[in-house]
Amino acid sequence: MENAFVLINCVPGKEPAILERLQKIDNVVEAQGTYGLYEIVA
């Protein structure tokens, strides 16, 4: 099985909505908010 990590920059304040949508995608195993250069790792 192949794994990939996607680092996402997004508009401040939009993280919860983006995380919710990512978690509904079948092949997304996990998506988490982060602090630093990227707001989300999926």
N, C-alpha and C. Protein backbone atom coordinates (compact mmCIF):
# COMPACT_ATOMS: atom_id res chain seq x y z
N MET A 1 0.84 -1.18 0.00
CA MET A 1 0.00 0.00 0.00
C MET A 1 0.89 1.24 0.00
N GLU A 2 0.56 2.19 -0.84
CA GLU A 2 1.30 3.45 -0.93
C GLU A 2 0.72 4.45 0.06
N ASN A 3 1.59 5.27 0.63
CA ASN A 3 1.16 6.34 1.52
C ASN A 3 1.61 7.66 0.94
N ALA A 4 0.82 8.69 1.16
CA ALA A 4 1.19 10.04 0.74
C ALA A 4 0.75 11.00 1.84
N PHE A 5 1.54 12.03 2.04
CA PHE A 5 1.19 13.08 2.99
C PHE A 5 1.00 14.36 2.18
N VAL A 6 -0.11 15.02 2.39
CA VAL A 6 -0.41 16.25 1.67
C VAL A 6 -0.34 17.39 2.67
N LEU A 7 0.49 18.39 2.38
CA LEU A 7 0.65 19.57 3.23
C LEU A 7 -0.17 20.69 2.61
N ILE A 8 -1.05 21.29 3.39
CA ILE A 8 -2.02 22.25 2.85
C ILE A 8 -1.89 23.60 3.53
N ASN A 9 -1.79 24.64 2.71
CA ASN A 9 -1.92 26.02 3.17
C ASN A 9 -3.34 26.45 2.86
N CYS A 10 -3.98 27.15 3.78
CA CYS A 10 -5.34 27.61 3.52
C CYS A 10 -5.56 28.98 4.15
N VAL A 11 -6.68 29.56 3.83
CA VAL A 11 -7.05 30.86 4.36
C VAL A 11 -7.31 30.71 5.86
N PRO A 12 -6.72 31.58 6.68
CA PRO A 12 -6.95 31.49 8.12
C PRO A 12 -8.44 31.50 8.45
N GLY A 13 -8.83 30.59 9.34
CA GLY A 13 -10.22 30.47 9.75
C GLY A 13 -11.01 29.45 8.96
N LYS A 14 -10.48 28.99 7.83
CA LYS A 14 -11.17 28.00 6.99
C LYS A 14 -10.77 26.57 7.31
N GLU A 15 -9.81 26.40 8.22
CA GLU A 15 -9.29 25.07 8.53
C GLU A 15 -10.37 24.07 8.95
N PRO A 16 -11.29 24.43 9.85
CA PRO A 16 -12.30 23.44 10.26
C PRO A 16 -13.16 22.93 9.10
N ALA A 17 -13.55 23.81 8.21
CA ALA A 17 -14.38 23.39 7.07
C ALA A 17 -13.59 22.50 6.12
N ILE A 18 -12.32 22.83 5.90
CA ILE A 18 -11.48 22.02 5.01
C ILE A 18 -11.22 20.65 5.63
N LEU A 19 -10.93 20.62 6.92
CA LEU A 19 -10.71 19.33 7.60
C LEU A 19 -11.96 18.45 7.51
N GLU A 20 -13.11 19.04 7.72
CA GLU A 20 -14.37 18.28 7.65
C GLU A 20 -14.56 17.67 6.26
N ARG A 21 -14.29 18.43 5.23
CA ARG A 21 -14.45 17.92 3.86
C ARG A 21 -13.41 16.84 3.55
N LEU A 22 -12.17 17.04 4.00
CA LEU A 22 -11.13 16.04 3.76
C LEU A 22 -11.48 14.71 4.42
N GLN A 23 -12.02 14.76 5.62
CA GLN A 23 -12.32 13.54 6.36
C GLN A 23 -13.48 12.75 5.74
N LYS A 24 -14.23 13.37 4.84
CA LYS A 24 -15.32 12.67 4.14
C LYS A 24 -14.86 11.95 2.88
N ILE A 25 -13.63 12.19 2.46
CA ILE A 25 -13.09 11.54 1.26
C ILE A 25 -12.66 10.12 1.63
N ASP A 26 -13.13 9.14 0.87
CA ASP A 26 -12.91 7.73 1.20
C ASP A 26 -11.44 7.36 1.41
N ASN A 27 -10.55 7.80 0.56
CA ASN A 27 -9.16 7.39 0.64
C ASN A 27 -8.32 8.20 1.61
N VAL A 28 -8.89 9.20 2.24
CA VAL A 28 -8.17 9.97 3.24
C VAL A 28 -8.28 9.23 4.57
N VAL A 29 -7.15 8.75 5.07
CA VAL A 29 -7.13 7.98 6.30
C VAL A 29 -7.19 8.90 7.52
N GLU A 30 -6.48 10.04 7.44
CA GLU A 30 -6.42 10.96 8.57
C GLU A 30 -6.11 12.35 8.06
N ALA A 31 -6.66 13.36 8.70
CA ALA A 31 -6.35 14.76 8.40
C ALA A 31 -6.31 15.50 9.73
N GLN A 32 -5.24 16.27 9.94
CA GLN A 32 -5.05 16.98 11.20
C GLN A 32 -4.64 18.42 10.94
N GLY A 33 -5.09 19.31 11.81
CA GLY A 33 -4.62 20.68 11.78
C GLY A 33 -3.26 20.76 12.43
N THR A 34 -2.44 21.71 11.97
CA THR A 34 -1.09 21.87 12.50
C THR A 34 -0.80 23.35 12.71
N TYR A 35 0.35 23.63 13.31
CA TYR A 35 0.85 24.99 13.45
C TYR A 35 2.17 25.07 12.70
N GLY A 36 2.44 26.18 12.06
CA GLY A 36 3.69 26.34 11.34
C GLY A 36 3.44 26.72 9.89
N LEU A 37 4.30 26.25 9.01
CA LEU A 37 4.21 26.63 7.59
C LEU A 37 2.93 26.15 6.93
N TYR A 38 2.42 25.02 7.38
CA TYR A 38 1.21 24.44 6.79
C TYR A 38 0.13 24.35 7.86
N GLU A 39 -1.13 24.55 7.45
CA GLU A 39 -2.23 24.50 8.42
C GLU A 39 -2.81 23.10 8.57
N ILE A 40 -2.67 22.26 7.53
CA ILE A 40 -3.29 20.93 7.56
C ILE A 40 -2.33 19.91 6.96
N VAL A 41 -2.28 18.72 7.57
CA VAL A 41 -1.58 17.56 7.01
C VAL A 41 -2.63 16.48 6.85
N ALA A 42 -2.70 15.92 5.63
CA ALA A 42 -3.68 14.85 5.37
C ALA A 42 -2.96 13.65 4.81
